[in-house]
PDB file of N, CA and C in Angstrom:
ATOM      1  N   MET A   1      43.712 -28.210  82.199  1.00  0.00           N
ATOM      2  CA  MET A   1      44.130 -29.117  83.056  1.00  0.00           C
ATOM      3  C   MET A   1      43.490 -30.490  82.782  1.00  0.00           C
ATOM      4  N   ILE A   2      44.405 -31.623  82.751  1.00  0.00           N
ATOM      5  CA  ILE A   2      44.049 -33.091  82.588  1.00  0.00           C
ATOM      6  C   ILE A   2      42.965 -33.462  83.679  1.00  0.00           C
ATOM      7  N   GLY A   3      41.625 -33.750  83.107  1.00  0.00           N
ATOM      8  CA  GLY A   3      40.730 -34.269  84.239  1.00  0.00           C
ATOM      9  C   GLY A   3      40.746 -35.877  84.233  1.00  0.00           C
ATOM     10  N   THR A   4      39.834 -36.453  85.208  1.00  0.00           N
ATOM     11  CA  THR A   4      39.811 -37.695  85.277  1.00  0.00           C
ATOM     12  C   THR A   4      39.254 -38.539  83.973  1.00  0.00           C
ATOM     13  N   GLN A   5      38.250 -37.908  83.270  1.00  0.00           N
ATOM     14  CA  GLN A   5      37.634 -38.349  82.081  1.00  0.00           C
ATOM     15  C   GLN A   5      38.533 -38.389  81.038  1.00  0.00           C
ATOM     16  N   ASP A   6      39.472 -37.522  80.836  1.00  0.00           N
ATOM     17  CA  ASP A   6      40.499 -37.355  79.940  1.00  0.00           C
ATOM     18  C   ASP A   6      41.750 -38.734  80.028  1.00  0.00           C
ATOM     19  N   LEU A   7      42.049 -38.949  81.483  1.00  0.00           N
ATOM     20  CA  LEU A   7      42.948 -39.930  81.770  1.00  0.00           C
ATOM     21  C   LEU A   7      42.309 -41.259  81.338  1.00  0.00           C
ATOM     22  N   LEU A   8      40.878 -41.423  81.469  1.00  0.00           N
ATOM     23  CA  LEU A   8      40.368 -42.744  81.319  1.00  0.00           C
ATOM     24  C   LEU A   8      40.199 -43.020  79.865  1.00  0.00           C
ATOM     25  N   VAL A   9      40.021 -41.839  79.127  1.00  0.00           N
ATOM     26  CA  VAL A   9      40.015 -42.035  77.690  1.00  0.00           C
ATOM     27  C   VAL A   9      41.418 -42.421  77.174  1.00  0.00           C
ATOM     28  N   ALA A  10      42.274 -41.956  77.596  1.00  0.00           N
ATOM     29  CA  ALA A  10      43.847 -42.097  77.275  1.00  0.00           C
ATOM     30  C   ALA A  10      44.203 -43.444  77.530  1.00  0.00           C
ATOM     31  N   LEU A  11      43.741 -43.934  78.761  1.00  0.00           N
ATOM     32  CA  LEU A  11      44.083 -45.308  79.194  1.00  0.00           C
ATOM     33  C   LEU A  11      43.038 -46.293  78.218  1.00  0.00           C
ATOM     34  N   ALA A  12      42.094 -46.078  77.854  1.00  0.00           N
ATOM     35  CA  ALA A  12      41.226 -47.063  77.021  1.00  0.00           C
ATOM     36  C   ALA A  12      41.957 -46.979  75.497  1.00  0.00           C
ATOM     37  N   LEU A  13      42.349 -45.885  75.142  1.00  0.00           N
ATOM     38  CA  LEU A  13      42.943 -45.774  73.697  1.00  0.00           C
ATOM     39  C   LEU A  13      44.241 -46.682  73.932  1.00  0.00           C
ATOM     40  N   GLY A  14      44.977 -46.473  74.959  1.00  0.00           N
ATOM     41  CA  GLY A  14      46.319 -47.455  75.095  1.00  0.00           C
ATOM     42  C   GLY A  14      46.090 -48.825  75.164  1.00  0.00           C
ATOM     43  N   VAL A  15      45.066 -49.083  75.786  1.00  0.00           N
ATOM     44  CA  VAL A  15      44.655 -50.673  75.838  1.00  0.00           C
ATOM     45  C   VAL A  15      44.254 -51.080  74.454  1.00  0.00           C
ATOM     46  N   PHE A  16      43.554 -50.143  73.827  1.00  0.00           N
ATOM     47  CA  PHE A  16      43.084 -50.697  72.484  1.00  0.00           C
ATOM     48  C   PHE A  16      44.114 -50.993  71.570  1.00  0.00           C
ATOM     49  N   PHE A  17      45.123 -49.807  71.383  1.00  0.00           N
ATOM     50  CA  PHE A  17      46.135 -49.924  70.501  1.00  0.00           C
ATOM     51  C   PHE A  17      47.329 -50.919  70.819  1.00  0.00           C
ATOM     52  N   PHE A  18      47.752 -51.062  72.179  1.00  0.00           N
ATOM     53  CA  PHE A  18      48.787 -51.756  72.458  1.00  0.00           C
ATOM     54  C   PHE A  18      48.376 -53.209  73.157  1.00  0.00           C
ATOM     55  N   GLY A  19      47.173 -53.259  73.711  1.00  0.00           N
ATOM     56  CA  GLY A  19      46.944 -54.449  74.394  1.00  0.00           C
ATOM     57  C   GLY A  19      47.452 -54.262  76.090  1.00  0.00           C
ATOM     58  N   ALA A  20      46.621 -55.104  76.677  1.00  0.00           N
ATOM     59  CA  ALA A  20      46.851 -54.778  77.993  1.00  0.00           C
ATOM     60  C   ALA A  20      48.137 -55.619  78.495  1.00  0.00           C
ATOM     61  N   LYS A  21      48.608 -56.519  77.980  1.00  0.00           N
ATOM     62  CA  LYS A  21      49.840 -57.114  78.309  1.00  0.00           C
ATOM     63  C   LYS A  21      50.848 -56.145  78.138  1.00  0.00           C
ATOM     64  N   LYS A  22      50.943 -55.548  76.844  1.00  0.00           N
ATOM     65  CA  LYS A  22      51.925 -54.642  76.342  1.00  0.00           C
ATOM     66  C   LYS A  22      52.204 -53.236  77.242  1.00  0.00           C
ATOM     67  N   LEU A  23      50.915 -52.684  77.553  1.00  0.00           N
ATOM     68  CA  LEU A  23      50.930 -51.456  78.282  1.00  0.00           C
ATOM     69  C   LEU A  23      51.981 -51.333  79.425  1.00  0.00           C
ATOM     70  N   PRO A  24      52.025 -52.221  80.561  1.00  0.00           N
ATOM     71  CA  PRO A  24      52.956 -51.928  81.707  1.00  0.00           C
ATOM     72  C   PRO A  24      54.250 -51.934  81.195  1.00  0.00           C
ATOM     73  N   GLU A  25      54.764 -52.726  80.175  1.00  0.00           N
ATOM     74  CA  GLU A  25      55.951 -52.661  79.546  1.00  0.00           C
ATOM     75  C   GLU A  25      56.310 -51.381  78.863  1.00  0.00           C
ATOM     76  N   LEU A  26      55.484 -50.715  78.100  1.00  0.00           N
ATOM     77  CA  LEU A  26      55.689 -49.562  77.436  1.00  0.00           C
ATOM     78  C   LEU A  26      55.933 -48.459  78.586  1.00  0.00           C
ATOM     79  N   SER A  27      54.945 -48.398  79.635  1.00  0.00           N
ATOM     80  CA  SER A  27      55.140 -47.287  80.604  1.00  0.00           C
ATOM     81  C   SER A  27      56.373 -47.466  81.344  1.00  0.00           C
ATOM     82  N   ARG A  28      56.789 -48.712  81.697  1.00  0.00           N
ATOM     83  CA  ARG A  28      58.046 -48.917  82.295  1.00  0.00           C
ATOM     84  C   ARG A  28      59.333 -48.247  81.467  1.00  0.00           C
ATOM     85  N   SER A  29      59.384 -48.681  80.158  1.00  0.00           N
ATOM     86  CA  SER A  29      60.490 -48.271  79.274  1.00  0.00           C
ATOM     87  C   SER A  29      60.171 -46.606  79.276  1.00  0.00           C
ATOM     88  N   LEU A  30      59.146 -46.081  79.051  1.00  0.00           N
ATOM     89  CA  LEU A  30      59.004 -44.696  79.087  1.00  0.00           C
ATOM     90  C   LEU A  30      59.548 -44.097  80.366  1.00  0.00           C
ATOM     91  N   GLY A  31      59.417 -44.535  81.483  1.00  0.00           N
ATOM     92  CA  GLY A  31      59.725 -44.076  82.699  1.00  0.00           C
ATOM     93  C   GLY A  31      61.284 -43.954  82.827  1.00  0.00           C
ATOM     94  N   ARG A  32      61.980 -45.159  82.369  1.00  0.00           N
ATOM     95  CA  ARG A  32      63.399 -45.350  82.478  1.00  0.00           C
ATOM     96  C   ARG A  32      64.002 -44.168  81.283  1.00  0.00           C
ATOM     97  N   ALA A  33      63.395 -44.132  80.309  1.00  0.00           N
ATOM     98  CA  ALA A  33      63.942 -43.138  79.278  1.00  0.00           C
ATOM     99  C   ALA A  33      63.780 -41.624  79.870  1.00  0.00           C
ATOM    100  N   LEU A  34      62.697 -41.226  80.464  1.00  0.00           N
ATOM    101  CA  LEU A  34      62.671 -39.892  81.072  1.00  0.00           C
ATOM    102  C   LEU A  34      63.460 -39.741  82.191  1.00  0.00           C
ATOM    103  N   SER A  35      63.795 -40.781  83.105  1.00  0.00           N
ATOM    104  CA  SER A  35      64.872 -40.702  84.118  1.00  0.00           C
ATOM    105  C   SER A  35      66.311 -40.571  83.589  1.00  0.00           C
ATOM    106  N   GLU A  36      66.624 -41.170  82.462  1.00  0.00           N
ATOM    107  CA  GLU A  36      67.786 -41.195  81.969  1.00  0.00           C
ATOM    108  C   GLU A  36      68.239 -39.832  81.277  1.00  0.00           C
ATOM    109  N   PHE A  37      66.995 -39.143  80.481  1.00  0.00           N
ATOM    110  CA  PHE A  37      67.054 -37.826  79.917  1.00  0.00           C
ATOM    111  C   PHE A  37      67.190 -36.938  81.014  1.00  0.00           C
ATOM    112  N   LYS A  38      66.491 -36.836  82.146  1.00  0.00           N
ATOM    113  CA  LYS A  38      66.750 -35.934  83.230  1.00  0.00           C
ATOM    114  C   LYS A  38      68.111 -36.082  83.899  1.00  0.00           C
ATOM    115  N   MET A  39      68.849 -37.216  83.760  1.00  0.00           N
ATOM    116  CA  MET A  39      70.173 -37.479  84.617  1.00  0.00           C
ATOM    117  C   MET A  39      70.922 -36.732  83.319  1.00  0.00           C
ATOM    118  N   GLY A  40      70.774 -36.781  82.140  1.00  0.00           N
ATOM    119  CA  GLY A  40      71.674 -36.482  81.232  1.00  0.00           C
ATOM    120  C   GLY A  40      71.627 -34.752  81.146  1.00  0.00           C
ATOM    121  N   LEU A  41      70.428 -34.148  81.699  1.00  0.00           N
ATOM    122  CA  LEU A  41      70.122 -32.713  81.670  1.00  0.00           C
ATOM    123  C   LEU A  41      71.011 -32.065  82.838  1.00  0.00           C
ATOM    124  N   GLU A  42      71.307 -32.895  83.889  1.00  0.00           N
ATOM    125  CA  GLU A  42      71.736 -32.295  85.157  1.00  0.00           C
ATOM    126  C   GLU A  42      73.148 -31.878  84.807  1.00  0.00           C
ATOM    127  N   ASP A  43      73.412 -30.710  85.431  1.00  0.00           N
ATOM    128  CA  ASP A  43      74.642 -30.050  85.244  1.00  0.00           C
ATOM    129  C   ASP A  43      75.694 -30.551  86.317  1.00  0.00           C
ATOM    130  N   THR A  44      76.663 -31.386  86.295  1.00  0.00           N
ATOM    131  CA  THR A  44      77.566 -31.559  87.133  1.00  0.00           C
ATOM    132  C   THR A  44      78.700 -30.930  87.081  1.00  0.00           C
ATOM    133  N   PRO A  45      79.108 -30.332  88.093  1.00  0.00           N
ATOM    134  CA  PRO A  45      80.222 -29.304  88.327  1.00  0.00           C
ATOM    135  C   PRO A  45      81.801 -30.031  88.238  1.00  0.00           C
ATOM    136  N   ASP A  46      81.782 -31.302  88.565  1.00  0.00           N
ATOM    137  CA  ASP A  46      83.024 -31.965  88.577  1.00  0.00           C
ATOM    138  C   ASP A  46      83.419 -32.498  87.033  1.00  0.00           C
ATOM    139  N   GLN A  47      82.487 -32.441  86.256  1.00  0.00           N
ATOM    140  CA  GLN A  47      82.865 -32.828  84.860  1.00  0.00           C
ATOM    141  C   GLN A  47      83.617 -31.682  84.121  1.00  0.00           C
ATOM    142  N   LYS A  48      84.606 -31.880  83.375  1.00  0.00           N
ATOM    143  CA  LYS A  48      85.275 -30.769  82.367  1.00  0.00           C
ATOM    144  C   LYS A  48      84.595 -30.885  81.078  1.00  0.00           C
ATOM    145  N   PRO A  49      84.359 -29.773  80.513  1.00  0.00           N
ATOM    146  CA  PRO A  49      83.773 -29.740  79.109  1.00  0.00           C
ATOM    147  C   PRO A  49      84.676 -30.526  78.267  1.00  0.00           C
ATOM    148  N   ALA A  50      84.181 -31.168  77.231  1.00  0.00           N
ATOM    149  CA  ALA A  50      85.030 -31.990  76.419  1.00  0.00           C
ATOM    150  C   ALA A  50      85.780 -31.015  75.386  1.00  0.00           C
ATOM    151  N   THR A  51      87.107 -31.386  75.124  1.00  0.00           N
ATOM    152  CA  THR A  51      87.992 -30.789  74.468  1.00  0.00           C
ATOM    153  C   THR A  51      88.310 -31.651  73.077  1.00  0.00           C
ATOM    154  N   PRO A  52      88.243 -30.903  72.034  1.00  0.00           N
ATOM    155  CA  PRO A  52      88.773 -31.696  71.035  1.00  0.00           C
ATOM    156  C   PRO A  52      90.244 -32.345  70.967  1.00  0.00           C
ATOM    157  N   PRO A  53      90.694 -33.529  70.283  1.00  0.00           N
ATOM    158  CA  PRO A  53      91.912 -33.883  70.386  1.00  0.00           C
ATOM    159  C   PRO A  53      92.913 -32.986  69.654  1.00  0.00           C
ATOM    160  N   ALA A  54      94.061 -32.810  70.312  1.00  0.00           N
ATOM    161  CA  ALA A  54      94.960 -32.046  69.576  1.00  0.00           C
ATOM    162  C   ALA A  54      95.506 -32.444  68.259  1.00  0.00           C
ATOM    163  N   GLU A  55      95.826 -31.527  67.239  1.00  0.00           N
ATOM    164  CA  GLU A  55      96.312 -32.007  66.026  1.00  0.00           C
ATOM    165  C   GLU A  55      97.650 -32.355  66.004  1.00  0.00           C
ATOM    166  N   LYS A  56      98.207 -33.287  65.246  1.00  0.00           N
ATOM    167  CA  LYS A  56      99.633 -33.444  65.242  1.00  0.00           C
ATOM    168  C   LYS A  56     100.195 -32.634  64.136  1.00  0.00           C
ATOM    169  N   PRO A  57     101.290 -32.170  64.266  1.00  0.00           N
ATOM    170  CA  PRO A  57     101.976 -31.413  63.257  1.00  0.00           C
ATOM    171  C   PRO A  57     102.349 -32.403  62.041  1.00  0.00           C
ATOM    172  N   GLU A  58     102.226 -31.866  61.108  1.00  0.00           N
ATOM    173  CA  GLU A  58     102.750 -32.909  59.869  1.00  0.00           C
ATOM    174  C   GLU A  58     104.261 -32.982  59.822  1.00  0.00           C
ATOM    175  N   ALA A  59     104.713 -34.213  59.700  1.00  0.00           N
ATOM    176  CA  ALA A  59     106.114 -34.560  59.672  1.00  0.00           C
ATOM    177  C   ALA A  59     106.813 -34.136  58.381  1.00  0.00           C
ATOM    178  N   LYS A  60     107.869 -33.552  58.140  1.00  0.00           N
ATOM    179  CA  LYS A  60     108.394 -33.324  57.027  1.00  0.00           C
ATOM    180  C   LYS A  60     109.774 -34.010  56.846  1.00  0.00           C
TER     181      LYS A  60
END
């Protein structure tokens, strides 16, 4: 399990690599990406499965 000391080390590494100004922006975009991913995984019963377009018969 992740402890307090592990979280502090991860935060310190994040500040070191990305800088204090960039870190909130990165976490915000990560949160948005995760929420969109979760919405994409939800199974909505009112949606029909995608069907391929019907092929046109060749004109002779």
